All heavy atoms as atom14 arrays in JSON, in Angstrom:
{
  "sequence": "LANLAARENRAASSRIAHRLVSDFEGDLPVLPSPERHANFTVLHAA",
  "atom14_mask": [
    [1, 1, 1, 1, 1, 1, 1, 1, 0, 0, 0, 0, 0, 0],
    [1, 1, 1, 1, 1, 0, 0, 0, 0, 0, 0, 0, 0, 0],
    [1, 1, 1, 1, 1, 1, 1, 1, 0, 0, 0, 0, 0, 0],
    [1, 1, 1, 1, 1, 1, 1, 1, 0, 0, 0, 0, 0, 0],
    [1, 1, 1, 1, 1, 0, 0, 0, 0, 0, 0, 0, 0, 0],
    [1, 1, 1, 1, 1, 0, 0, 0, 0, 0, 0, 0, 0, 0],
    [1, 1, 1, 1, 1, 1, 1, 1, 1, 1, 1, 0, 0, 0],
    [1, 1, 1, 1, 1, 1, 1, 1, 1, 0, 0, 0, 0, 0],
    [1, 1, 1, 1, 1, 1, 1, 1, 0, 0, 0, 0, 0, 0],
    [1, 1, 1, 1, 1, 1, 1, 1, 1, 1, 1, 0, 0, 0],
    [1, 1, 1, 1, 1, 0, 0, 0, 0, 0, 0, 0, 0, 0],
    [1, 1, 1, 1, 1, 0, 0, 0, 0, 0, 0, 0, 0, 0],
    [1, 1, 1, 1, 1, 1, 0, 0, 0, 0, 0, 0, 0, 0],
    [1, 1, 1, 1, 1, 1, 0, 0, 0, 0, 0, 0, 0, 0],
    [1, 1, 1, 1, 1, 1, 1, 1, 1, 1, 1, 0, 0, 0],
    [1, 1, 1, 1, 1, 1, 1, 1, 0, 0, 0, 0, 0, 0],
    [1, 1, 1, 1, 1, 0, 0, 0, 0, 0, 0, 0, 0, 0],
    [1, 1, 1, 1, 1, 1, 1, 1, 1, 1, 0, 0, 0, 0],
    [1, 1, 1, 1, 1, 1, 1, 1, 1, 1, 1, 0, 0, 0],
    [1, 1, 1, 1, 1, 1, 1, 1, 0, 0, 0, 0, 0, 0],
    [1, 1, 1, 1, 1, 1, 1, 0, 0, 0, 0, 0, 0, 0],
    [1, 1, 1, 1, 1, 1, 0, 0, 0, 0, 0, 0, 0, 0],
    [1, 1, 1, 1, 1, 1, 1, 1, 0, 0, 0, 0, 0, 0],
    [1, 1, 1, 1, 1, 1, 1, 1, 1, 1, 1, 0, 0, 0],
    [1, 1, 1, 1, 1, 1, 1, 1, 1, 0, 0, 0, 0, 0],
    [1, 1, 1, 1, 0, 0, 0, 0, 0, 0, 0, 0, 0, 0],
    [1, 1, 1, 1, 1, 1, 1, 1, 0, 0, 0, 0, 0, 0],
    [1, 1, 1, 1, 1, 1, 1, 1, 0, 0, 0, 0, 0, 0],
    [1, 1, 1, 1, 1, 1, 1, 0, 0, 0, 0, 0, 0, 0],
    [1, 1, 1, 1, 1, 1, 1, 0, 0, 0, 0, 0, 0, 0],
    [1, 1, 1, 1, 1, 1, 1, 1, 0, 0, 0, 0, 0, 0],
    [1, 1, 1, 1, 1, 1, 1, 0, 0, 0, 0, 0, 0, 0],
    [1, 1, 1, 1, 1, 1, 0, 0, 0, 0, 0, 0, 0, 0],
    [1, 1, 1, 1, 1, 1, 1, 0, 0, 0, 0, 0, 0, 0],
    [1, 1, 1, 1, 1, 1, 1, 1, 1, 0, 0, 0, 0, 0],
    [1, 1, 1, 1, 1, 1, 1, 1, 1, 1, 1, 0, 0, 0],
    [1, 1, 1, 1, 1, 1, 1, 1, 1, 1, 0, 0, 0, 0],
    [1, 1, 1, 1, 1, 0, 0, 0, 0, 0, 0, 0, 0, 0],
    [1, 1, 1, 1, 1, 1, 1, 1, 0, 0, 0, 0, 0, 0],
    [1, 1, 1, 1, 1, 1, 1, 1, 1, 1, 1, 0, 0, 0],
    [1, 1, 1, 1, 1, 1, 1, 0, 0, 0, 0, 0, 0, 0],
    [1, 1, 1, 1, 1, 1, 1, 0, 0, 0, 0, 0, 0, 0],
    [1, 1, 1, 1, 1, 1, 1, 1, 0, 0, 0, 0, 0, 0],
    [1, 1, 1, 1, 1, 1, 1, 1, 1, 1, 0, 0, 0, 0],
    [1, 1, 1, 1, 1, 0, 0, 0, 0, 0, 0, 0, 0, 0],
    [1, 1, 1, 1, 1, 0, 0, 0, 0, 0, 0, 0, 0, 0]
  ],
  "atom14_positions": [
    [[-85.64, -30.7, -167.96], [-86.28, -29.52, -167.39], [-85.62, -28.24, -167.86], [-86.28, -27.23, -168.04], [-86.26, -29.61, -165.86], [-87.11, -30.72, -165.24], [-86.87, -30.82, -163.74], [-88.58, -30.46, -165.5], [0.0, 0.0, 0.0], [0.0, 0.0, 0.0], [0.0, 0.0, 0.0], [0.0, 0.0, 0.0], [0.0, 0.0, 0.0], [0.0, 0.0, 0.0]],
    [[-84.32, -28.3, -168.12], [-83.63, -27.12, -168.6], [-83.95, -26.81, -170.07], [-83.83, -25.68, -170.5], [-82.13, -27.3, -168.44], [0.0, 0.0, 0.0], [0.0, 0.0, 0.0], [0.0, 0.0, 0.0], [0.0, 0.0, 0.0], [0.0, 0.0, 0.0], [0.0, 0.0, 0.0], [0.0, 0.0, 0.0], [0.0, 0.0, 0.0], [0.0, 0.0, 0.0]],
    [[-84.39, -27.86, -170.81], [-84.6, -27.68, -172.26], [-86.07, -27.57, -172.63], [-86.38, -27.64, -173.8], [-83.97, -28.88, -172.99], [-82.47, -28.83, -172.96], [-81.9, -27.78, -172.77], [-81.85, -29.97, -173.14], [0.0, 0.0, 0.0], [0.0, 0.0, 0.0], [0.0, 0.0, 0.0], [0.0, 0.0, 0.0], [0.0, 0.0, 0.0], [0.0, 0.0, 0.0]],
    [[-86.94, -27.45, -171.69], [-88.38, -27.46, -172.01], [-88.85, -26.12, -172.59], [-89.92, -25.68, -172.26], [-89.2, -27.78, -170.79], [-89.1, -29.22, -170.32], [-90.0, -29.44, -169.13], [-89.48, -30.16, -171.44], [0.0, 0.0, 0.0], [0.0, 0.0, 0.0], [0.0, 0.0, 0.0], [0.0, 0.0, 0.0], [0.0, 0.0, 0.0], [0.0, 0.0, 0.0]],
    [[-88.02, -25.57, -173.44], [-88.29, -24.25, -174.01], [-88.43, -23.34, -172.83], [-89.38, -22.58, -172.67], [-89.51, -24.21, -174.9], [0.0, 0.0, 0.0], [0.0, 0.0, 0.0], [0.0, 0.0, 0.0], [0.0, 0.0, 0.0], [0.0, 0.0, 0.0], [0.0, 0.0, 0.0], [0.0, 0.0, 0.0], [0.0, 0.0, 0.0], [0.0, 0.0, 0.0]],
    [[-87.6, -23.46, -171.99], [-87.42, -23.86, -170.62], [-88.72, -23.88, -169.87], [-89.31, -24.93, -169.76], [-86.4, -22.98, -169.93], [0.0, 0.0, 0.0], [0.0, 0.0, 0.0], [0.0, 0.0, 0.0], [0.0, 0.0, 0.0], [0.0, 0.0, 0.0], [0.0, 0.0, 0.0], [0.0, 0.0, 0.0], [0.0, 0.0, 0.0], [0.0, 0.0, 0.0]],
    [[-89.13, -22.77, -169.35], [-90.33, -22.76, -168.49], [-91.62, -22.89, -169.31], [-92.63, -23.27, -168.79], [-90.37, -21.49, -167.66], [-89.36, -21.53, -166.52], [-89.36, -20.24, -165.73], [-88.65, -19.19, -166.42], [-87.33, -19.0, -166.32], [-86.6, -19.8, -165.57], [-86.75, -18.01, -166.98], [0.0, 0.0, 0.0], [0.0, 0.0, 0.0], [0.0, 0.0, 0.0]],
    [[-91.56, -22.6, -170.6], [-92.78, -22.57, -171.41], [-93.48, -23.92, -171.44], [-94.67, -23.99, -171.24], [-92.43, -22.11, -172.83], [-93.64, -22.0, -173.72], [-93.27, -21.49, -175.11], [-92.2, -20.85, -175.24], [-94.03, -21.76, -176.06], [0.0, 0.0, 0.0], [0.0, 0.0, 0.0], [0.0, 0.0, 0.0], [0.0, 0.0, 0.0], [0.0, 0.0, 0.0]],
    [[-92.72, -24.97, -171.68], [-93.32, -26.29, -171.77], [-93.78, -26.81, -170.41], [-94.81, -27.46, -170.29], [-92.37, -27.27, -172.41], [-93.08, -28.48, -172.97], [-93.82, -28.38, -173.93], [-92.86, -29.65, -172.37], [0.0, 0.0, 0.0], [0.0, 0.0, 0.0], [0.0, 0.0, 0.0], [0.0, 0.0, 0.0], [0.0, 0.0, 0.0], [0.0, 0.0, 0.0]],
    [[-93.0, -26.48, -169.37], [-93.42, -26.84, -168.03], [-94.72, -26.15, -167.66], [-95.61, -26.73, -167.03], [-92.32, -26.47, -167.03], [-91.05, -27.29, -167.16], [-89.92, -26.75, -166.35], [-90.19, -26.81, -164.92], [-89.4, -26.26, -164.01], [-88.31, -25.58, -164.37], [-89.68, -26.35, -162.73], [0.0, 0.0, 0.0], [0.0, 0.0, 0.0], [0.0, 0.0, 0.0]],
    [[-94.83, -24.9, -168.08], [-96.07, -24.15, -167.79], [-97.24, -24.76, -168.51], [-98.34, -24.84, -167.99], [-95.88, -22.69, -168.15], [0.0, 0.0, 0.0], [0.0, 0.0, 0.0], [0.0, 0.0, 0.0], [0.0, 0.0, 0.0], [0.0, 0.0, 0.0], [0.0, 0.0, 0.0], [0.0, 0.0, 0.0], [0.0, 0.0, 0.0], [0.0, 0.0, 0.0]],
    [[-97.02, -25.2, -169.77], [-98.08, -25.82, -170.55], [-98.54, -27.12, -169.89], [-99.73, -27.41, -169.84], [-97.63, -26.08, -171.99], [0.0, 0.0, 0.0], [0.0, 0.0, 0.0], [0.0, 0.0, 0.0], [0.0, 0.0, 0.0], [0.0, 0.0, 0.0], [0.0, 0.0, 0.0], [0.0, 0.0, 0.0], [0.0, 0.0, 0.0], [0.0, 0.0, 0.0]],
    [[-97.59, -27.91, -169.38], [-97.94, -29.14, -168.71], [-98.72, -28.86, -167.42], [-99.71, -29.52, -167.07], [-96.66, -29.94, -168.34], [-95.97, -30.33, -169.5], [0.0, 0.0, 0.0], [0.0, 0.0, 0.0], [0.0, 0.0, 0.0], [0.0, 0.0, 0.0], [0.0, 0.0, 0.0], [0.0, 0.0, 0.0], [0.0, 0.0, 0.0], [0.0, 0.0, 0.0]],
    [[-98.32, -27.8, -166.7], [-99.04, -27.41, -165.48], [-100.46, -26.93, -165.81], [-101.38, -27.21, -165.06], [-98.28, -26.29, -164.76], [-97.03, -26.78, -164.27], [0.0, 0.0, 0.0], [0.0, 0.0, 0.0], [0.0, 0.0, 0.0], [0.0, 0.0, 0.0], [0.0, 0.0, 0.0], [0.0, 0.0, 0.0], [0.0, 0.0, 0.0], [0.0, 0.0, 0.0]],
    [[-100.61, -26.24, -166.94], [-101.95, -25.75, -167.28], [-102.89, -26.91, -167.62], [-104.07, -26.88, -167.21], [-101.86, -24.8, -168.48], [-101.32, -23.41, -168.12], [-101.63, -22.39, -169.21], [-100.99, -22.75, -170.47], [-99.77, -22.41, -170.83], [-99.0, -21.71, -169.98], [-99.29, -22.73, -172.02], [0.0, 0.0, 0.0], [0.0, 0.0, 0.0], [0.0, 0.0, 0.0]],
    [[-102.41, -27.92, -168.36], [-103.31, -29.04, -168.66], [-103.6, -29.82, -167.36], [-104.72, -30.28, -167.15], [-102.77, -29.95, -169.76], [-103.77, -31.05, -170.13], [-101.43, -30.56, -169.42], [-105.06, -30.56, -170.69], [0.0, 0.0, 0.0], [0.0, 0.0, 0.0], [0.0, 0.0, 0.0], [0.0, 0.0, 0.0], [0.0, 0.0, 0.0], [0.0, 0.0, 0.0]],
    [[-102.62, -29.95, -166.47], [-102.86, -30.63, -165.2], [-103.92, -29.89, -164.4], [-104.83, -30.52, -163.84], [-101.55, -30.72, -164.4], [0.0, 0.0, 0.0], [0.0, 0.0, 0.0], [0.0, 0.0, 0.0], [0.0, 0.0, 0.0], [0.0, 0.0, 0.0], [0.0, 0.0, 0.0], [0.0, 0.0, 0.0], [0.0, 0.0, 0.0], [0.0, 0.0, 0.0]],
    [[-103.82, -28.58, -164.33], [-104.79, -27.79, -163.6], [-106.18, -27.91, -164.2], [-107.19, -28.06, -163.51], [-104.36, -26.31, -163.58], [-105.27, -25.43, -162.8], [-105.36, -25.5, -161.42], [-106.14, -24.47, -163.18], [-106.26, -24.62, -160.99], [-106.73, -23.97, -162.04], [0.0, 0.0, 0.0], [0.0, 0.0, 0.0], [0.0, 0.0, 0.0], [0.0, 0.0, 0.0]],
    [[-106.26, -27.89, -165.53], [-107.55, -28.0, -166.21], [-108.15, -29.38, -165.97], [-109.35, -29.51, -165.73], [-107.32, -27.77, -167.72], [-108.54, -27.75, -168.58], [-109.38, -26.54, -168.28], [-110.53, -26.86, -167.46], [-111.44, -25.98, -167.09], [-111.33, -24.72, -167.43], [-112.48, -26.37, -166.36], [0.0, 0.0, 0.0], [0.0, 0.0, 0.0], [0.0, 0.0, 0.0]],
    [[-107.33, -30.42, -166.03], [-107.81, -31.77, -165.78], [-108.38, -31.91, -164.35], [-109.48, -32.43, -164.15], [-106.67, -32.79, -165.97], [-106.29, -33.09, -167.42], [-104.91, -33.73, -167.47], [-107.32, -34.02, -168.05], [0.0, 0.0, 0.0], [0.0, 0.0, 0.0], [0.0, 0.0, 0.0], [0.0, 0.0, 0.0], [0.0, 0.0, 0.0], [0.0, 0.0, 0.0]],
    [[-107.65, -31.39, -163.39], [-108.12, -31.48, -162.0], [-109.4, -30.7, -161.83], [-110.34, -31.18, -161.15], [-107.03, -30.95, -161.03], [-107.6, -30.68, -159.65], [-105.87, -31.95, -160.95], [0.0, 0.0, 0.0], [0.0, 0.0, 0.0], [0.0, 0.0, 0.0], [0.0, 0.0, 0.0], [0.0, 0.0, 0.0], [0.0, 0.0, 0.0], [0.0, 0.0, 0.0]],
    [[-109.51, -29.55, -162.44], [-110.74, -28.76, -162.34], [-111.94, -29.52, -162.86], [-113.01, -29.5, -162.24], [-110.58, -27.43, -163.08], [-109.61, -26.63, -162.47], [0.0, 0.0, 0.0], [0.0, 0.0, 0.0], [0.0, 0.0, 0.0], [0.0, 0.0, 0.0], [0.0, 0.0, 0.0], [0.0, 0.0, 0.0], [0.0, 0.0, 0.0], [0.0, 0.0, 0.0]],
    [[-111.76, -30.22, -164.0], [-112.86, -30.99, -164.55], [-113.13, -32.24, -163.74], [-114.3, -32.61, -163.53], [-112.57, -31.33, -165.99], [-112.97, -30.2, -166.94], [-114.12, -30.16, -167.35], [-112.12, -29.37, -167.23], [0.0, 0.0, 0.0], [0.0, 0.0, 0.0], [0.0, 0.0, 0.0], [0.0, 0.0, 0.0], [0.0, 0.0, 0.0], [0.0, 0.0, 0.0]],
    [[-112.09, -32.9, -163.24], [-112.3, -34.07, -162.39], [-113.11, -33.71, -161.16], [-113.98, -34.48, -160.72], [-110.96, -34.66, -161.95], [-110.24, -35.43, -163.0], [-108.87, -35.76, -162.85], [-110.88, -35.9, -164.15], [-108.21, -36.47, -163.8], [-110.21, -36.62, -165.11], [-108.86, -36.92, -164.94], [0.0, 0.0, 0.0], [0.0, 0.0, 0.0], [0.0, 0.0, 0.0]],
    [[-112.83, -32.58, -160.55], [-113.46, -32.22, -159.28], [-114.98, -32.07, -159.44], [-115.7, -32.23, -158.45], [-112.85, -30.92, -158.74], [-111.46, -31.14, -158.18], [-110.78, -29.86, -157.72], [-111.11, -28.77, -158.24], [-109.92, -29.96, -156.83], [0.0, 0.0, 0.0], [0.0, 0.0, 0.0], [0.0, 0.0, 0.0], [0.0, 0.0, 0.0], [0.0, 0.0, 0.0]],
    [[-115.45, -31.8, -160.64], [-116.87, -31.71, -160.85], [-117.55, -33.06, -161.09], [-118.78, -33.18, -160.97], [0.0, 0.0, 0.0], [0.0, 0.0, 0.0], [0.0, 0.0, 0.0], [0.0, 0.0, 0.0], [0.0, 0.0, 0.0], [0.0, 0.0, 0.0], [0.0, 0.0, 0.0], [0.0, 0.0, 0.0], [0.0, 0.0, 0.0], [0.0, 0.0, 0.0]],
    [[-116.75, -34.11, -161.42], [-117.31, -35.39, -161.82], [-116.89, -36.56, -160.95], [-117.61, -37.56, -160.88], [-116.88, -35.71, -163.25], [-117.55, -34.82, -164.27], [-118.61, -34.26, -163.99], [-116.99, -34.67, -165.39], [0.0, 0.0, 0.0], [0.0, 0.0, 0.0], [0.0, 0.0, 0.0], [0.0, 0.0, 0.0], [0.0, 0.0, 0.0], [0.0, 0.0, 0.0]],
    [[-115.7, -36.49, -160.34], [-115.08, -37.67, -159.76], [-114.52, -37.39, -158.37], [-114.2, -36.24, -158.04], [-113.91, -38.12, -160.64], [-114.17, -38.38, -162.12], [-112.85, -38.44, -162.86], [-114.94, -39.69, -162.28], [0.0, 0.0, 0.0], [0.0, 0.0, 0.0], [0.0, 0.0, 0.0], [0.0, 0.0, 0.0], [0.0, 0.0, 0.0], [0.0, 0.0, 0.0]],
    [[-114.34, -38.42, -157.56], [-113.55, -38.26, -156.34], [-112.11, -37.93, -156.72], [-111.59, -38.48, -157.69], [-113.62, -39.62, -155.64], [-114.74, -40.36, -156.31], [-114.84, -39.81, -157.7], [0.0, 0.0, 0.0], [0.0, 0.0, 0.0], [0.0, 0.0, 0.0], [0.0, 0.0, 0.0], [0.0, 0.0, 0.0], [0.0, 0.0, 0.0], [0.0, 0.0, 0.0]],
    [[-111.48, -37.01, -156.01], [-110.07, -36.69, -156.25], [-109.3, -36.75, -154.96], [-109.86, -36.63, -153.85], [-109.93, -35.31, -156.91], [-110.59, -35.24, -158.26], [-110.44, -34.19, -155.99], [0.0, 0.0, 0.0], [0.0, 0.0, 0.0], [0.0, 0.0, 0.0], [0.0, 0.0, 0.0], [0.0, 0.0, 0.0], [0.0, 0.0, 0.0], [0.0, 0.0, 0.0]],
    [[-107.99, -36.95, -155.06], [-107.14, -36.92, -153.89], [-107.07, -35.55, -153.29], [-107.25, -34.54, -154.0], [-105.7, -37.36, -154.27], [-105.42, -38.78, -154.64], [-103.94, -38.97, -154.88], [-105.9, -39.74, -153.55], [0.0, 0.0, 0.0], [0.0, 0.0, 0.0], [0.0, 0.0, 0.0], [0.0, 0.0, 0.0], [0.0, 0.0, 0.0], [0.0, 0.0, 0.0]],
    [[-106.74, -35.42, -152.0], [-106.36, -34.11, -151.46], [-105.13, -33.63, -152.22], [-104.24, -34.41, -152.57], [-106.01, -34.41, -150.01], [-106.71, -35.69, -149.71], [-106.7, -36.48, -150.97], [0.0, 0.0, 0.0], [0.0, 0.0, 0.0], [0.0, 0.0, 0.0], [0.0, 0.0, 0.0], [0.0, 0.0, 0.0], [0.0, 0.0, 0.0], [0.0, 0.0, 0.0]],
    [[-105.07, -32.34, -152.53], [-103.95, -31.78, -153.33], [-103.71, -32.64, -154.56], [-102.64, -33.25, -154.7], [-102.66, -31.7, -152.49], [-102.86, -30.97, -151.31], [0.0, 0.0, 0.0], [0.0, 0.0, 0.0], [0.0, 0.0, 0.0], [0.0, 0.0, 0.0], [0.0, 0.0, 0.0], [0.0, 0.0, 0.0], [0.0, 0.0, 0.0], [0.0, 0.0, 0.0]],
    [[-104.67, -32.71, -155.47], [-104.58, -33.65, -156.58], [-103.6, -33.31, -157.68], [-103.33, -34.11, -158.52], [-106.02, -33.65, -157.13], [-106.57, -32.32, -156.77], [-105.94, -31.97, -155.46], [0.0, 0.0, 0.0], [0.0, 0.0, 0.0], [0.0, 0.0, 0.0], [0.0, 0.0, 0.0], [0.0, 0.0, 0.0], [0.0, 0.0, 0.0], [0.0, 0.0, 0.0]],
    [[-103.04, -32.09, -157.7], [-101.97, -31.75, -158.64], [-100.63, -31.99, -157.96], [-100.28, -31.3, -157.01], [-102.08, -30.28, -159.08], [-103.24, -29.97, -159.97], [-103.23, -28.52, -160.42], [-102.22, -28.08, -161.01], [-104.23, -27.82, -160.17], [0.0, 0.0, 0.0], [0.0, 0.0, 0.0], [0.0, 0.0, 0.0], [0.0, 0.0, 0.0], [0.0, 0.0, 0.0]],
    [[-99.9, -32.96, -158.48], [-98.65, -33.38, -157.83], [-97.56, -33.49, -158.9], [-97.84, -33.39, -160.09], [-98.84, -34.69, -157.07], [-99.95, -34.6, -156.02], [-100.07, -35.83, -155.18], [-101.16, -35.69, -154.2], [-101.31, -36.48, -153.12], [-100.43, -37.43, -152.88], [-102.31, -36.3, -152.29], [0.0, 0.0, 0.0], [0.0, 0.0, 0.0], [0.0, 0.0, 0.0]],
    [[-96.32, -33.74, -158.47], [-95.24, -33.84, -159.44], [-94.13, -34.74, -158.89], [-93.95, -34.87, -157.68], [-94.68, -32.46, -159.8], [-94.27, -31.63, -158.63], [-95.08, -30.68, -158.08], [-93.14, -31.63, -157.87], [-94.47, -30.11, -157.04], [-93.29, -30.69, -156.89], [0.0, 0.0, 0.0], [0.0, 0.0, 0.0], [0.0, 0.0, 0.0], [0.0, 0.0, 0.0]],
    [[-93.4, -35.35, -159.84], [-92.26, -36.21, -159.52], [-91.52, -36.53, -160.8], [-91.95, -36.14, -161.91], [-92.72, -37.47, -158.82], [0.0, 0.0, 0.0], [0.0, 0.0, 0.0], [0.0, 0.0, 0.0], [0.0, 0.0, 0.0], [0.0, 0.0, 0.0], [0.0, 0.0, 0.0], [0.0, 0.0, 0.0], [0.0, 0.0, 0.0], [0.0, 0.0, 0.0]],
    [[-90.43, -37.23, -160.67], [-89.61, -37.62, -161.84], [-90.09, -38.93, -162.43], [-89.54, -39.98, -162.22], [-88.15, -37.72, -161.44], [-87.24, -38.06, -162.61], [-87.68, -38.06, -163.76], [-85.98, -38.34, -162.33], [0.0, 0.0, 0.0], [0.0, 0.0, 0.0], [0.0, 0.0, 0.0], [0.0, 0.0, 0.0], [0.0, 0.0, 0.0], [0.0, 0.0, 0.0]],
    [[-91.19, -38.85, -163.22], [-91.72, -40.02, -163.91], [-91.0, -40.16, -165.26], [-91.03, -39.25, -166.07], [-93.23, -39.88, -164.16], [-94.08, -39.97, -162.91], [-94.46, -38.83, -162.23], [-94.51, -41.2, -162.44], [-95.25, -38.89, -161.11], [-95.29, -41.27, -161.31], [-95.68, -40.13, -160.64], [0.0, 0.0, 0.0], [0.0, 0.0, 0.0], [0.0, 0.0, 0.0]],
    [[-90.4, -41.34, -165.48], [-89.67, -41.56, -166.75], [-90.58, -41.34, -167.95], [-90.13, -40.81, -168.98], [-89.09, -42.98, -166.77], [-88.2, -43.14, -165.66], [-88.36, -43.26, -168.04], [0.0, 0.0, 0.0], [0.0, 0.0, 0.0], [0.0, 0.0, 0.0], [0.0, 0.0, 0.0], [0.0, 0.0, 0.0], [0.0, 0.0, 0.0], [0.0, 0.0, 0.0]],
    [[-91.8, -41.75, -167.86], [-92.72, -41.68, -169.02], [-93.07, -40.24, -169.38], [-93.62, -39.99, -170.48], [-93.99, -42.51, -168.74], [-94.97, -41.73, -167.83], [-94.68, -42.92, -170.04], [0.0, 0.0, 0.0], [0.0, 0.0, 0.0], [0.0, 0.0, 0.0], [0.0, 0.0, 0.0], [0.0, 0.0, 0.0], [0.0, 0.0, 0.0], [0.0, 0.0, 0.0]],
    [[-92.72, -39.29, -168.53], [-92.98, -37.88, -168.84], [-91.73, -37.17, -169.4], [-91.7, -35.94, -169.45], [-93.46, -37.14, -167.59], [-94.76, -37.64, -166.97], [-95.17, -36.78, -165.76], [-95.89, -37.67, -167.99], [0.0, 0.0, 0.0], [0.0, 0.0, 0.0], [0.0, 0.0, 0.0], [0.0, 0.0, 0.0], [0.0, 0.0, 0.0], [0.0, 0.0, 0.0]],
    [[-90.74, -37.94, -169.84], [-89.51, -37.36, -170.32], [-89.53, -36.93, -171.77], [-88.5, -36.8, -172.42], [-88.35, -38.36, -170.12], [-87.86, -38.45, -168.7], [-86.68, -39.03, -168.36], [-88.41, -38.02, -167.54], [-86.51, -39.01, -167.05], [-87.57, -38.37, -166.51], [0.0, 0.0, 0.0], [0.0, 0.0, 0.0], [0.0, 0.0, 0.0], [0.0, 0.0, 0.0]],
    [[-90.72, -36.72, -172.33], [-90.82, -36.28, -173.73], [-90.61, -34.78, -173.79], [-91.55, -34.0, -173.73], [-92.17, -36.67, -174.31], [0.0, 0.0, 0.0], [0.0, 0.0, 0.0], [0.0, 0.0, 0.0], [0.0, 0.0, 0.0], [0.0, 0.0, 0.0], [0.0, 0.0, 0.0], [0.0, 0.0, 0.0], [0.0, 0.0, 0.0], [0.0, 0.0, 0.0]],
    [[-89.35, -34.36, -173.87], [-89.04, -32.93, -173.89], [-89.74, -32.23, -175.03], [-89.89, -32.78, -176.11], [-87.53, -32.76, -174.03], [0.0, 0.0, 0.0], [0.0, 0.0, 0.0], [0.0, 0.0, 0.0], [0.0, 0.0, 0.0], [0.0, 0.0, 0.0], [0.0, 0.0, 0.0], [0.0, 0.0, 0.0], [0.0, 0.0, 0.0], [0.0, 0.0, 0.0]]
  ]
}
């Protein structure tokens, strides 16, 4: 998280997450508060 060009890459990940949720909401059932976060190992591609 400190090396993600610091906030730049985190912001890019957040933007694609937001865009995905926006598109899902028009087509699919979604969870309440569908944009979430946690320490997933598979997302460790700095």
